[in-house]
Amino acid sequence: MRYRVLSSTGDYTFGQGQANFLIDSPETVAQVVQTSLLLWLGEFFLDVTAGIPYPEGILGKHSQSQADQTIIAYIESLQGVNGVENYSSTINPETRAYQSLGATLNTIYGPTPISIEFGGDF
């Protein structure tokens, strides 16, 4: 498994040869999960089946536990993920906006933490 390293602003990094890649590590799988959770189902024109179904399973009338179950199931379906432990999420009770999530991923390369902050009124 090989993925290009992202910068702190979420852009691909270049110019450092092999140091620009995550290869066969828990961090590689964590980056797959992070970028996948930021992709809405149908958003990527080359593969409209990629992404998470935010309107259908997370946003709107769904409870936090339903949203969490949808997200966990999606994470567990991704390449390199064997399971999710210690999952937690926060939702703004006034706006019902999903604010953040954190978890420990059991990957094919070992455990790794993830933490994602969703910006705006997500």
Foldseek 3Di string as FASTA:
>chain_A
DKDFDADPVGHGDDDPPPVRMDDLAQVNLLVVLQVQAVDDQCRDPVHNRGHAPCVVFNDDPDDPVSNVVSSQVVSCPDPFFPHWAPKDWDADVVLRATAKIKTWTQGPRGIDIYIDGDDDRD
